[in-house]
Every structure is written in structure tokens, then in C-alpha cells.
Amino acid sequence: MAQFRVYQNPRAAGRERIPFVLDVQSNVVEHLPTRMVIPLVRDRLFPERRVNRLNPGFVVNGQAVVLSPAEMGAVAAAALRESLADLSLQRGEIIAALDILFTGI
């Protein structure tokens, strides 16, 4: 598993709103049985009022999605199957969103 890779949401029931999750866990602790992921919410289903730095938008497999770090959580690493995309080039935006969430800056 690699940090900033995108996977299909392992919860089939939630895929209409959250088709993908983004793995944000450092590879330094890849031995853990879980991974921290951030939901990627369909842009059209994300609330109109959003903070751009907290909720940057991306395109994954042709679908517009919005990062929702306030909803992040751990999932079993085994539940994350095939990587669908790599957002490591957007690392700065992702880290900035986490900084806003955790530190306010």
C-alpha cells in the first residue's frame, strides 16, 4: 500500500455518495492492520458551502470528487483492494487540508 493512493470505497452501501477513499497513512507504519483514509465525496453530492483549502476537488477515473477530511477514519488494510489512482502529485493540497483540520492553519 502507498500513501496518497485512491481505492474504491470498501463499504458498498456508501458508494453512491463516496465512491473512493484516499489512503493518507505514512508508509513508515504500513505494518499496521489498518489504514487511515479520507472519503472522496462526489462533487455533486458535497454541500454547496465548502472551504476550498479544507475540501479540495480532484478528478478520479473521470469523476469529480471532493476531499472530506472531517470524515476520515481507519479501515482494514485488507479491505483496500486495487489502487485506482495516485494523488501523490497533489500531496501539498492534501497535507494543507489536514493542517486546516488539525491546526487551523
Protein backbone atom coordinates (compact mmCIF):
# COMPACT_ATOMS: atom_id res chain seq x y z
CA MET A 1 0.00 0.00 0.00
CA ALA A 2 1.19 3.50 -0.68
CA GLN A 3 0.28 6.87 0.73
CA PHE A 4 -1.98 9.04 -1.45
CA ARG A 5 -3.38 6.11 -3.42
CA VAL A 6 -7.09 6.02 -4.20
CA TYR A 7 -9.22 2.91 -3.66
CA GLN A 8 -12.83 2.01 -4.20
CA ASN A 9 -14.85 2.63 -1.06
CA PRO A 10 -14.85 -0.74 0.75
CA ARG A 11 -18.39 -0.04 2.02
CA ALA A 12 -20.60 -0.88 -0.95
CA ALA A 13 -23.63 0.74 0.70
CA GLY A 14 -21.86 4.12 0.77
CA ARG A 15 -20.51 4.23 -2.77
CA GLU A 16 -23.25 6.43 -4.20
CA ARG A 17 -22.01 9.37 -2.12
CA ILE A 18 -18.41 8.23 -1.51
CA PRO A 19 -17.15 6.19 -4.46
CA PHE A 20 -13.50 6.35 -3.39
CA VAL A 21 -11.25 6.71 -0.36
CA LEU A 22 -7.76 8.19 -0.22
CA ASP A 23 -5.08 6.43 1.81
CA VAL A 24 -3.20 9.09 3.80
CA GLN A 25 -1.27 6.86 6.19
CA SER A 26 2.51 7.04 6.11
CA ASN A 27 4.28 4.00 4.75
CA VAL A 28 6.52 4.09 7.84
CA VAL A 29 3.67 2.33 9.68
CA GLU A 30 2.49 0.10 6.84
CA HIS A 31 2.79 -2.97 9.10
CA LEU A 32 -0.40 -1.95 10.93
CA PRO A 33 -3.55 -3.90 10.03
CA THR A 34 -5.47 -0.68 9.33
CA ARG A 35 -5.04 2.34 7.07
CA MET A 36 -6.24 5.90 7.64
CA VAL A 37 -8.38 7.00 4.72
CA ILE A 38 -10.23 10.16 3.73
CA PRO A 39 -13.51 9.89 1.83
CA LEU A 40 -13.65 11.32 -1.67
CA VAL A 41 -17.24 12.53 -1.98
CA ARG A 42 -18.95 13.02 -5.33
CA ASP A 43 -18.75 16.73 -6.09
CA ARG A 44 -22.47 16.95 -6.93
CA LEU A 45 -23.36 15.46 -3.54
CA PHE A 46 -20.99 17.58 -1.46
CA PRO A 47 -22.60 20.50 0.40
CA GLU A 48 -22.53 23.75 -1.55
CA ARG A 49 -20.83 25.56 1.28
CA ARG A 50 -17.29 24.23 1.39
CA VAL A 51 -13.90 25.52 2.44
CA ASN A 52 -11.68 25.17 -0.61
CA ARG A 53 -8.47 24.60 1.35
CA LEU A 54 -10.14 22.00 3.59
CA ASN A 55 -12.08 20.39 0.75
CA PRO A 56 -10.06 20.46 -2.47
CA GLY A 57 -11.54 18.86 -5.54
CA PHE A 58 -9.95 16.18 -7.71
CA VAL A 59 -10.88 14.07 -10.72
CA VAL A 60 -10.58 10.31 -10.22
CA ASN A 61 -11.42 7.97 -13.07
CA GLY A 62 -13.30 10.78 -14.79
CA GLN A 63 -15.41 11.57 -11.71
CA ALA A 64 -15.26 14.93 -9.90
CA VAL A 65 -14.79 14.30 -6.18
CA VAL A 66 -14.12 16.40 -3.08
CA LEU A 67 -11.76 15.51 -0.24
CA SER A 68 -13.64 15.31 3.08
CA PRO A 69 -11.01 15.04 5.83
CA ALA A 70 -13.56 15.71 8.60
CA GLU A 71 -14.96 12.24 7.80
CA MET A 72 -11.66 10.35 7.79
CA GLY A 73 -11.25 7.08 9.62
CA ALA A 74 -9.44 3.77 9.74
CA VAL A 75 -10.30 0.79 7.57
CA ALA A 76 -8.84 -2.68 7.45
CA ALA A 77 -5.89 -2.68 5.07
CA ALA A 78 -7.19 -5.93 3.58
CA ALA A 79 -10.40 -4.12 2.53
CA LEU A 80 -8.45 -1.85 0.19
CA ARG A 81 -8.02 -3.87 -2.94
CA GLU A 82 -6.63 -2.46 -6.17
CA SER A 83 -5.30 1.09 -6.32
CA LEU A 84 -7.34 3.09 -8.85
CA ALA A 85 -5.34 6.32 -8.91
CA ASP A 86 -2.34 8.07 -7.39
CA LEU A 87 -2.81 11.57 -5.96
CA SER A 88 0.78 11.93 -4.72
CA LEU A 89 1.27 14.89 -7.09
CA GLN A 90 -1.48 16.64 -5.09
CA ARG A 91 0.32 15.96 -1.80
CA GLY A 92 0.57 19.67 -0.97
CA GLU A 93 -3.20 20.18 -1.24
CA ILE A 94 -3.91 17.06 0.81
CA ILE A 95 -1.48 17.97 3.59
CA ALA A 96 -2.83 21.54 3.61
CA ALA A 97 -6.35 20.15 4.15
CA LEU A 98 -5.12 18.06 7.08
CA ASP A 99 -3.30 21.09 8.51
CA ILE A 100 -6.52 23.13 8.42
CA LEU A 101 -8.43 20.30 10.11
CA PHE A 102 -5.89 19.66 12.87
CA THR A 103 -4.18 23.00 13.45
CA GLY A 104 -6.42 25.60 11.85
CA ILE A 105 -3.55 26.95 9.76
